[in-house]
Protein backbone atom coordinates (compact mmCIF):
# COMPACT_ATOMS: atom_id res chain seq x y z
CA MET A 1 33.09 39.02 31.24
CA PRO A 2 34.35 39.37 27.25
CA SER A 3 36.82 36.46 25.75
CA LEU A 4 39.99 37.29 24.03
CA SER A 5 38.20 36.81 20.77
CA ALA A 6 35.71 39.18 21.81
CA GLU A 7 37.61 42.05 23.01
CA ALA A 8 39.78 41.50 19.90
CA VAL A 9 37.20 42.24 18.08
CA ARG A 10 36.00 45.37 20.04
CA VAL A 11 39.56 46.64 20.13
CA ALA A 12 39.60 46.15 16.00
CA GLN A 13 36.84 48.28 15.82
CA GLY A 14 38.00 51.09 18.24
CA ALA A 15 34.74 50.37 19.84
CA ARG A 16 34.36 51.59 23.58
CA ASN A 17 31.41 48.97 24.76
CA TYR A 18 29.56 46.14 24.34
CA LEU A 19 25.55 46.20 24.16
CA LEU A 20 23.99 42.72 25.36
CA ARG A 21 20.07 42.39 24.67
CA ASN A 22 18.20 39.81 26.87
CA ASN A 23 15.15 38.54 27.70
CA SER A 24 13.36 36.97 30.62
CA SER A 25 14.91 33.76 29.59
CA GLY A 26 18.74 35.13 29.40
CA LEU A 27 20.73 36.53 26.76
CA LEU A 28 19.47 37.17 22.72
CA ASP A 29 22.49 38.43 21.24
CA ALA A 30 25.88 40.68 21.65
CA ARG A 31 26.69 43.44 19.81
CA ILE A 32 30.54 44.42 19.69
CA GLY A 33 30.80 47.63 17.59
CA ALA A 34 29.06 47.51 14.04
CA LEU A 35 28.80 43.64 14.55
CA THR A 36 26.05 41.34 15.98
CA VAL A 37 27.05 37.95 17.58
CA PRO A 38 23.82 35.90 18.56
CA VAL A 39 24.51 33.76 21.59
CA SER A 40 22.82 31.34 23.94
CA VAL A 41 20.92 32.22 26.99
CA GLN A 42 24.00 31.83 29.19
CA GLY A 43 26.47 34.24 26.62
CA ASP A 44 27.91 30.96 24.93
CA MET A 45 29.11 31.43 20.83
CA TRP A 46 28.72 28.06 18.95
CA LEU A 47 31.65 27.74 16.59
CA ASP A 48 30.95 26.08 13.29
CA PHE A 49 34.74 24.59 12.40
CA GLY A 50 33.32 23.10 9.17
CA ARG A 51 32.64 26.57 7.46
CA SER A 52 34.49 28.97 9.21
CA PRO A 53 36.92 30.94 6.56
CA PRO A 54 40.18 29.34 6.36
CA VAL A 55 42.23 31.06 8.85
CA PRO A 56 45.94 31.59 7.62
CA PHE A 57 49.25 30.71 9.91
CA ILE A 58 52.52 32.07 9.91
CA PRO A 59 55.40 31.09 11.77
CA VAL A 60 57.03 33.72 14.55
CA ALA A 61 60.08 32.95 13.07
CA GLN A 62 59.74 34.68 10.14
CA VAL A 63 58.57 37.64 11.88
CA LEU A 64 61.21 37.54 14.21
CA GLY A 65 63.94 36.90 11.62
CA GLY A 66 62.58 39.88 9.57
CA LYS A 67 61.45 37.26 6.53
CA LEU A 68 58.10 39.19 6.77
CA ALA A 69 57.10 41.93 5.03
CA PRO A 70 56.03 44.78 7.40
CA ASP A 71 52.55 45.42 5.14
CA ALA A 72 51.41 41.82 5.65
CA LEU A 73 50.16 42.01 9.24
CA ARG A 74 48.90 45.93 8.51
CA GLY A 75 44.95 45.93 9.11
CA ARG A 76 44.43 42.81 10.58
CA ILE A 77 43.77 41.23 13.87
CA VAL A 78 46.92 38.94 14.84
CA LEU A 79 46.54 36.59 17.67
CA VAL A 80 49.97 35.13 18.85
CA GLY A 81 49.93 31.31 20.17
CA SER A 82 51.98 27.87 20.97
CA SER A 83 51.14 25.03 18.97
CA ALA A 84 54.01 22.72 20.92
CA VAL A 85 52.19 19.89 22.62
CA GLY A 86 54.43 20.36 25.46
CA LEU A 87 52.31 23.20 26.45
CA MET A 88 49.44 21.83 26.92
CA ASP A 89 47.13 24.23 25.14
CA MET A 90 45.86 21.68 22.33
CA GLN A 91 42.19 21.42 21.56
CA SER A 92 39.77 18.23 19.83
CA SER A 93 37.61 20.14 17.56
CA PRO A 94 34.22 18.68 16.27
CA LEU A 95 35.76 17.63 13.40
CA GLY A 96 38.38 15.18 15.47
CA GLU A 97 41.33 17.20 14.70
CA HIS A 98 43.79 18.38 17.52
CA ILE A 99 44.43 22.10 17.38
CA PRO A 100 46.28 24.54 19.16
CA GLY A 101 44.02 26.59 21.69
CA VAL A 102 44.55 30.03 19.92
CA GLN A 103 43.27 28.30 16.58
CA VAL A 104 40.04 28.18 18.65
CA HIS A 105 40.01 31.77 19.03
CA ALA A 106 40.75 32.50 15.35
CA VAL A 107 37.71 30.41 13.94
CA ALA A 108 35.46 32.93 16.17
CA LEU A 109 36.98 36.03 15.19
CA ALA A 110 36.29 34.81 11.34
CA GLN A 111 33.15 33.48 12.04
CA ILE A 112 32.12 37.18 13.93
CA LEU A 113 33.80 39.23 11.14
CA SER A 114 32.28 36.92 8.42
CA GLY A 115 28.88 37.61 9.94
CA VAL A 116 27.65 33.98 9.60
CA HIS A 117 26.49 32.38 12.27
CA LEU A 118 25.52 28.97 14.07
CA GLN A 119 22.51 29.78 16.02
CA ARG A 120 20.69 27.36 18.91
CA PRO A 121 17.78 29.74 20.06
CA GLY A 122 15.91 29.50 22.90
CA TRP A 123 12.53 27.73 21.39
CA THR A 124 15.26 24.54 20.03
CA ALA A 125 14.72 22.84 23.40
CA SER A 126 11.06 22.71 23.26
CA VAL A 127 11.12 21.48 19.66
CA GLU A 128 13.62 18.67 20.68
CA ALA A 129 11.36 17.77 23.72
CA LEU A 130 8.14 17.74 21.50
CA ALA A 131 10.12 15.07 18.81
CA LEU A 132 11.26 13.42 21.65
CA VAL A 133 7.32 12.61 22.87
CA ALA A 134 6.08 12.71 19.73
CA GLY A 135 8.63 10.03 18.12
CA MET A 136 8.20 7.55 21.75
CA LEU A 137 4.53 7.35 21.36
CA LEU A 138 4.27 6.60 18.02
CA VAL A 139 6.53 3.62 17.86
CA GLY A 140 5.40 2.53 21.34
CA LEU A 141 1.52 2.29 19.65
CA VAL A 142 2.42 0.68 16.29
CA THR A 143 5.08 -1.50 17.44
CA GLN A 144 2.20 -2.90 20.03
CA ARG A 145 -0.64 -2.72 17.35
CA LYS A 146 1.49 -3.46 13.84
CA SER A 147 3.56 -6.03 12.60
CA PHE A 148 7.62 -5.96 13.71
CA LYS A 149 8.67 -5.32 9.63
CA PHE A 150 6.15 -1.99 9.54
CA SER A 151 7.51 -1.22 13.30
CA ILE A 152 11.37 -1.48 11.75
CA LEU A 153 10.41 0.62 8.59
CA LEU A 154 8.14 2.97 10.68
CA VAL A 155 11.73 3.75 13.17
CA ALA A 156 13.32 3.88 10.17
CA LEU A 157 11.22 6.96 8.50
CA LEU A 158 11.59 8.72 11.58
CA LEU A 159 15.30 8.39 12.16
CA THR A 160 15.66 9.39 8.51
CA LEU A 161 13.47 12.77 9.34
CA LEU A 162 15.06 13.45 12.31
CA LEU A 163 18.63 13.14 10.64
CA GLY A 164 17.96 14.28 7.68
CA GLY A 165 15.81 17.36 8.85
CA THR A 166 18.47 18.31 11.40
CA TRP A 167 21.09 18.18 8.77
CA TYR A 168 19.26 20.73 6.86
CA ALA A 169 18.79 22.90 9.73
CA PHE A 170 22.31 22.79 10.21
CA THR A 171 23.50 23.32 6.77
CA VAL A 172 20.73 25.40 5.34
CA GLU A 173 19.31 27.44 8.10
CA HIS A 174 22.44 27.30 10.31
CA LEU A 175 20.80 26.29 12.79
CA LEU A 176 22.23 23.89 16.05
CA LEU A 177 20.00 21.02 17.05
CA ASP A 178 20.13 18.13 19.35
CA VAL A 179 18.96 15.09 16.88
CA ALA A 180 20.96 12.31 19.37
CA THR A 181 18.07 12.53 22.61
CA PRO A 182 14.94 12.12 20.11
CA ALA A 183 16.58 9.46 18.20
CA LEU A 184 17.72 7.32 20.91
CA ALA A 185 14.14 7.92 22.48
CA VAL A 186 12.90 6.38 19.69
CA LEU A 187 15.02 3.34 19.63
CA LEU A 188 14.02 2.81 23.22
CA SER A 189 10.79 3.07 22.99
CA PHE A 190 11.39 0.13 19.74
CA LEU A 191 12.69 -1.86 22.07
CA VAL A 192 10.66 -1.14 25.01
CA ALA A 193 7.72 -2.19 23.15
CA GLY A 194 8.92 -4.58 20.99
CA SER A 195 10.25 -6.57 24.01
CA THR A 196 6.82 -6.10 25.83
CA ARG A 197 4.93 -7.47 22.90
CA HIS A 198 7.48 -10.55 22.15
CA PHE A 199 6.92 -11.26 26.20
CA ALA A 200 3.49 -11.32 25.57
CA SER A 201 3.10 -13.41 22.63
CA GLU A 202 6.06 -15.81 23.43
CA ARG A 203 4.43 -18.59 25.56
CA GLN A 204 1.50 -19.15 22.96
CA HIS A 205 4.33 -18.98 20.14
CA ARG A 206 6.49 -21.50 22.35
CA TRP A 207 4.04 -23.94 22.86
CA LEU A 208 2.52 -24.05 18.73
CA ARG A 209 6.17 -24.57 18.01
CA GLN A 210 7.05 -27.55 20.68
CA ALA A 211 3.76 -28.61 19.52
CA PHE A 212 3.73 -28.21 16.12
CA SER A 213 7.49 -28.80 15.29
CA ARG A 214 7.34 -32.95 15.83
CA TYR A 215 4.08 -32.99 13.34
CA VAL A 216 4.65 -30.58 10.38
CA SER A 217 7.18 -29.90 8.04
CA PRO A 218 9.64 -26.68 8.99
CA ASN A 219 7.89 -24.07 6.30
CA LYS A 220 4.82 -25.14 7.73
CA VAL A 221 5.71 -24.23 11.25
CA ALA A 222 6.48 -20.52 9.80
CA TYR A 223 3.68 -20.49 8.10
CA LEU A 224 1.14 -21.40 11.40
CA MET A 225 3.29 -18.85 13.33
CA ALA A 226 2.59 -15.95 10.95
CA HIS A 227 -0.78 -17.76 10.61
CA PRO A 228 -2.44 -18.53 13.74
CA GLU A 229 -5.95 -18.35 12.03
CA GLN A 230 -5.51 -21.07 9.99
CA LEU A 231 -5.03 -23.24 12.63
CA GLN A 232 -7.73 -25.06 14.77
CA LEU A 233 -6.89 -27.35 17.53
CA SER A 234 -10.32 -28.55 18.10
CA GLY A 235 -11.80 -31.88 15.34
CA ARG A 236 -12.57 -30.50 11.94
CA ARG A 237 -13.68 -32.52 9.08
CA GLN A 238 -11.08 -31.79 5.98
CA ILE A 239 -10.46 -34.05 2.64
CA CYS A 240 -6.79 -35.50 2.92
CA SER A 241 -4.13 -37.68 1.56
CA PHE A 242 -2.32 -40.22 3.73
CA VAL A 243 0.48 -42.49 2.86
CA PHE A 244 1.55 -45.61 4.83
CA THR A 245 4.97 -47.13 4.87
CA ASP A 246 5.90 -50.53 6.20
CA LEU A 247 9.06 -52.62 6.25
CA ALA A 248 9.18 -56.23 5.35
CA ASN A 249 10.56 -58.51 7.84
CA PHE A 250 11.67 -56.07 10.33
CA THR A 251 11.04 -58.04 13.30
CA THR A 252 12.80 -60.98 11.96
CA LEU A 253 15.68 -59.01 10.87
CA ILE A 254 15.88 -57.33 14.27
CA GLU A 255 15.72 -60.52 16.06
CA HIS A 256 18.78 -61.71 14.13
CA SER A 257 20.63 -58.47 13.78
CA ASP A 258 22.79 -56.71 16.13
CA PRO A 259 20.85 -53.72 17.92
CA ALA A 260 23.43 -51.35 17.40
CA GLN A 261 23.62 -52.05 13.92
CA MET A 262 20.25 -51.63 13.76
CA VAL A 263 19.91 -48.62 15.30
CA MET A 264 21.99 -46.87 12.81
CA LEU A 265 20.05 -48.09 10.06
CA ILE A 266 16.56 -47.65 10.82
CA ASN A 267 18.08 -43.98 12.55
CA ALA A 268 19.62 -43.26 8.62
CA TYR A 269 16.70 -44.80 6.99
CA LEU A 270 13.87 -42.93 8.70
CA GLU A 271 15.62 -39.40 8.62
CA ALA A 272 15.83 -39.86 4.77
CA MET A 273 12.57 -40.64 4.60
CA LEU A 274 11.46 -37.90 6.94
CA GLU A 275 13.60 -35.60 4.66
CA ILE A 276 11.39 -36.51 1.53
CA VAL A 277 7.92 -36.13 3.37
CA PHE A 278 8.82 -32.46 4.75
CA ARG A 279 10.00 -31.63 1.19
CA HIS A 280 6.93 -32.21 0.01
CA GLU A 281 5.05 -30.79 2.57
CA GLY A 282 4.03 -33.49 4.12
CA THR A 283 2.65 -33.88 8.06
CA LEU A 284 3.80 -36.47 9.83
CA ASP A 285 1.12 -38.07 11.86
CA ARG A 286 2.95 -40.72 13.77
CA ILE A 287 5.93 -43.06 13.38
CA MET A 288 5.54 -46.94 14.50
CA GLY A 289 8.54 -48.58 14.85
CA ASP A 290 9.92 -48.92 11.31
CA ALA A 291 6.69 -47.50 9.72
CA LEU A 292 5.47 -43.60 8.73
CA VAL A 293 2.09 -42.53 8.62
CA VAL A 294 1.96 -39.26 6.60
CA MET A 295 -0.72 -37.14 6.11
CA PHE A 296 -1.17 -34.29 3.33
CA SER A 297 -3.64 -31.46 3.36
CA ALA A 298 -3.38 -30.97 7.18
CA PRO A 299 -3.16 -28.62 9.04
CA VAL A 300 -3.11 -26.27 6.25
CA VAL A 301 -5.40 -27.07 3.23
CA GLN A 302 -3.13 -28.02 -0.20
CA GLU A 303 -5.41 -28.14 -3.04
CA ASP A 304 -3.24 -30.90 -4.85
CA HIS A 305 -2.30 -33.16 -1.76
CA ARG A 306 -3.16 -36.33 -4.06
CA GLN A 307 -0.62 -35.05 -6.40
CA ARG A 308 1.76 -34.13 -3.37
CA ALA A 309 1.11 -37.68 -1.71
CA LEU A 310 1.64 -39.48 -4.51
CA ASP A 311 5.22 -37.80 -5.70
CA CYS A 312 6.35 -38.39 -2.06
CA ALA A 313 5.37 -41.97 -2.10
CA LEU A 314 7.06 -42.37 -5.25
CA GLU A 315 10.25 -40.90 -4.29
CA MET A 316 9.98 -42.87 -1.12
CA HIS A 317 10.03 -46.00 -2.89
CA VAL A 318 13.05 -44.86 -4.99
CA PHE A 319 15.07 -44.38 -1.81
CA ALA A 320 13.89 -47.40 0.01
CA SER A 321 14.78 -49.74 -2.98
CA ALA A 322 18.10 -48.20 -3.41
CA TYR A 323 18.58 -48.10 0.40
CA ALA A 324 17.72 -52.04 0.41
CA GLU A 325 19.87 -53.24 -2.51
CA ARG A 326 23.10 -51.18 -0.72
CA TRP A 327 22.61 -53.38 2.49
CA GLN A 328 21.56 -56.56 0.93
CA ALA A 329 24.88 -56.32 -0.97
CA LYS A 330 26.35 -56.16 2.31
CA GLY A 331 25.25 -59.08 3.58
CA VAL A 332 22.53 -57.41 5.79
CA ALA A 333 19.00 -58.73 5.20
CA TRP A 334 17.37 -55.28 4.86
CA GLY A 335 13.76 -55.88 3.45
CA HIS A 336 11.89 -53.90 1.15
CA THR A 337 9.36 -50.99 1.59
CA ARG A 338 5.77 -51.05 1.21
CA ILE A 339 3.86 -47.95 1.06
CA GLY A 340 -0.20 -47.72 0.45
CA VAL A 341 -1.78 -44.52 -0.71
CA HIS A 342 -5.02 -43.44 0.27
CA CYS A 343 -7.25 -40.13 0.21
CA GLY A 344 -10.85 -39.02 1.65
CA GLU A 345 -12.80 -37.23 4.18
CA VAL A 346 -11.50 -37.50 7.67
CA ILE A 347 -11.49 -35.64 11.17
CA VAL A 348 -8.12 -33.46 12.13
CA GLY A 349 -7.74 -32.26 14.99
CA ASN A 350 -5.98 -32.56 18.55
CA PHE A 351 -7.53 -35.91 20.17
CA GLY A 352 -5.42 -36.25 23.30
CA GLY A 353 -7.72 -33.87 25.67
CA LYS A 354 -6.19 -31.64 28.03
CA ALA A 355 -3.47 -33.91 29.27
CA LEU A 356 -1.72 -34.63 26.09
CA PHE A 357 -1.36 -32.68 22.90
CA ASP A 358 -1.77 -35.37 20.19
CA TYR A 359 -2.79 -33.34 16.64
CA ARG A 360 -3.67 -36.38 14.53
CA ALA A 361 -6.67 -37.61 11.62
CA LEU A 362 -9.34 -40.16 12.18
CA GLY A 363 -11.35 -41.49 9.70
CA ASP A 364 -11.44 -44.64 7.70
CA PRO A 365 -9.45 -43.44 4.67
CA ILE A 366 -6.65 -43.66 7.13
CA ASN A 367 -7.76 -47.50 7.98
CA THR A 368 -7.95 -48.05 4.25
CA ALA A 369 -4.48 -46.77 3.38
CA ALA A 370 -3.01 -48.64 5.80
CA ARG A 371 -4.51 -51.60 4.49
CA LEU A 372 -3.25 -50.97 1.10
CA GLU A 373 0.01 -50.80 2.31
CA THR A 374 -0.08 -54.27 4.12
CA VAL A 375 -2.06 -55.68 0.37
CA ASN A 376 1.17 -55.40 -1.15
CA LYS A 377 2.85 -58.19 0.19
CA HIS A 378 -0.53 -60.41 -1.19
CA LEU A 379 -0.28 -58.96 -4.64
CA GLY A 380 3.35 -58.53 -4.37
CA THR A 381 3.78 -55.26 -5.49
CA ARG A 382 5.71 -52.30 -3.52
CA VAL A 383 3.02 -49.51 -4.23
CA CYS A 384 -0.18 -49.37 -4.21
CA ILE A 385 -2.63 -46.42 -4.61
CA SER A 386 -6.50 -45.97 -4.75
CA GLU A 387 -8.62 -44.91 -7.30
CA ALA A 388 -9.49 -41.44 -5.23
CA ILE A 389 -5.52 -41.08 -5.40
CA LEU A 390 -5.62 -41.15 -8.94
CA GLU A 391 -8.24 -38.84 -9.62
CA GLY A 392 -5.98 -36.30 -8.12
CA CYS A 393 -3.25 -37.15 -10.83
CA PRO A 394 -4.39 -37.08 -14.61
CA GLY A 395 -1.99 -38.62 -16.82
CA LEU A 396 -0.21 -41.23 -14.43
CA PRO A 397 0.24 -44.02 -16.08
CA VAL A 398 -0.90 -47.09 -13.79
CA ARG A 399 -1.54 -50.52 -13.96
CA PRO A 400 -4.69 -51.34 -12.52
CA VAL A 401 -5.13 -54.36 -10.16
CA GLY A 402 -8.49 -55.05 -9.70
CA ARG A 403 -11.10 -54.50 -7.19
CA LEU A 404 -9.86 -55.16 -3.89
CA VAL A 405 -12.46 -56.28 -0.82
CA LEU A 406 -10.18 -55.33 1.92
CA LYS A 407 -10.65 -57.33 4.85
CA GLY A 408 -13.45 -56.22 7.41
CA LYS A 409 -14.84 -54.17 4.46
CA THR A 410 -18.01 -54.70 2.21
CA GLN A 411 -17.60 -52.35 -0.69
CA TRP A 412 -14.66 -52.82 -3.18
CA LEU A 413 -11.88 -50.48 -3.92
CA GLN A 414 -10.61 -50.00 -7.55
CA THR A 415 -6.62 -49.97 -7.10
CA TYR A 416 -3.67 -49.49 -9.26
CA GLU A 417 0.51 -49.74 -9.04
CA PRO A 418 1.75 -47.17 -10.74
CA VAL A 419 4.24 -47.66 -13.33
CA ALA A 420 7.00 -45.80 -11.83
CA ALA A 421 7.25 -47.92 -8.97
CA THR A 422 7.89 -51.45 -11.15
CA ASP A 423 10.86 -53.14 -12.41
CA ALA A 424 10.23 -52.49 -16.15
CA ARG A 425 12.51 -55.44 -16.80
CA ALA A 426 10.61 -58.26 -15.45
CA CYS A 427 7.14 -56.52 -15.91
CA ALA A 428 4.78 -57.35 -19.03
CA PRO A 429 4.23 -54.32 -21.53
CA LEU A 430 1.13 -52.24 -20.12
CA ALA A 431 -0.67 -52.66 -22.91
CA ASP A 432 -0.38 -56.17 -23.02
CA TYR A 433 -0.99 -56.53 -19.40
CA ALA A 434 -4.13 -54.01 -19.76
CA GLY A 435 -5.50 -56.12 -22.56
CA ALA A 436 -5.60 -59.55 -21.03
CA LEU A 437 -7.26 -57.86 -17.69
CA ALA A 438 -9.86 -56.25 -19.49
CA LEU A 439 -10.69 -59.66 -20.83
CA LEU A 440 -11.04 -61.19 -17.46
CA GLN A 441 -13.07 -57.47 -16.59
CA ALA A 442 -15.50 -58.64 -19.06
CA GLY A 443 -16.19 -61.89 -17.63
CA GLN A 444 -14.29 -63.81 -20.65
CA SER A 445 -12.17 -66.25 -18.27
CA ALA A 446 -10.92 -68.75 -21.21
CA SER A 447 -9.37 -65.91 -23.12
CA ALA A 448 -8.09 -63.81 -20.18
CA LEU A 449 -6.37 -67.26 -19.04
CA GLU A 450 -4.79 -67.54 -22.49
CA GLN A 451 -3.49 -64.22 -22.30
CA PHE A 452 -2.20 -64.63 -18.93
CA GLU A 453 0.01 -67.54 -19.40
CA ALA A 454 1.28 -66.25 -22.39
CA LEU A 455 2.07 -63.22 -20.52
CA ALA A 456 3.57 -65.42 -17.54
CA ALA A 457 5.58 -67.35 -19.94
CA ARG A 458 7.67 -63.95 -21.17
CA HIS A 459 7.46 -62.43 -18.14
CA PRO A 460 7.60 -64.98 -14.93
CA GLN A 461 8.59 -62.14 -12.52
CA ASP A 462 5.66 -59.69 -13.57
CA PRO A 463 3.92 -59.76 -9.78
CA LEU A 464 0.16 -59.27 -11.30
CA VAL A 465 0.48 -60.94 -13.79
CA ALA A 466 1.21 -64.14 -11.43
CA LEU A 467 -1.60 -62.93 -9.08
CA HIS A 468 -4.17 -63.06 -11.80
CA LEU A 469 -3.12 -66.28 -13.20
CA ARG A 470 -3.42 -68.08 -10.12
CA ARG A 471 -6.63 -66.90 -9.79
CA LEU A 472 -7.91 -67.95 -13.03
CA HIS A 473 -6.50 -71.31 -12.39
CA LYS A 474 -8.38 -71.18 -9.25
CA GLY A 475 -11.64 -70.63 -11.06
CA ALA A 476 -12.10 -66.55 -10.88
CA CYS A 477 -14.53 -65.29 -13.78
CA ASP A 478 -13.53 -61.04 -12.77
CA ASP A 479 -10.88 -58.74 -11.35
CA LEU A 480 -12.79 -58.96 -7.74
CA ILE A 481 -10.22 -59.90 -5.32
CA VAL A 482 -11.67 -60.62 -1.53
CA LEU A 483 -9.14 -60.79 0.74
CA ASP A 484 -9.36 -62.68 4.32
CA SER A 485 -6.59 -61.08 5.87
CA LYS A 486 -4.91 -57.96 6.60
């Protein structure tokens, strides 16, 4: 059955009939007089509202009122229709406009007469199906095997090709292709494959996050999630640096203080100390009451672990000193923090067996670091570091303490106090102190005694000067200090 626009074209040309061409799939085109109109297999004509020639509109009042020249309509095809909304002949165009129904026929007429047609041949459905299947398979396989970032880029590239190709076919070749279905299929394939991969790996990632979020700084958790091959849960040898901290007289403070206030104070103290640890990318080994055990270069190797450990210890010292002063000024007998730093080879891994995950380090360097923390109360210092740490921190100003033989040890350990952890107002100048200690190390006890007495007179609050002066008065002849208690 011919439409109004098709019949108008036939009558305008004086043609007597239509010529329809078809094949086994359906119609190919319709010939109306001298004009050929491509149609779908069902005989539909696709209208291109965006590029059809403009259609002039003439108000009917001009015609009825005799205001229109008679030649204005001669030789033209004229369609008469209404534009009143109440007559229910308003249509929605693909451009989002509400237009009179007669305008749809006018667009069809203009398109037929201009010879520029929008086509959708029979093979377009096969091309769309091929694009759908190929896109789904490609995205599904890539999403299962490659990274999420790579998969996102692939999906974006495929959508760009689909949209760009369809737009080119529409604007240049006047072909109407369905891009919505293949694009949605690509997105659906990405969502399904991505969800499958996510749920498959979520259990392992959840376990790793729960296990290490309590032990490793947040950036290390992200690193281990991205590089799980760096994580070995079985024990392995690793050179690490350790920082031990402890609060002086904390047990006594707890005994004579309000428990609620102490909980608030210790939580704020530990939270700030842990922020410092994580800022230097250290790993929390464990918390023992008010004490912290921190290791560096595990589980991820850090080439500068000695420097990181020392910088972390010094920043912790600055904070702890200010924290103690602030609460002491408020009448709370908050003690100072002692810190020991040492480095050595340990065994790092999971030592909790199958029942308990306990990622930690085992080895003599850990015990030594703990002893260096406690030895501060014998030396009168706040921070004590070993020569193994100093070797990784070239140029650090330090005051040599002496050769310490720790409780339970037979070998001495060269130890130092960082100048940054001393009270500059109370301590002797570094050169004067080093000169006096050099005399003691050389076995010149008489000269060393004279030098230390002079330093003690000028700097009575210097703990290391007082330490060596006491030792000299007891007959010491070198810098070897044997400790008989922890």
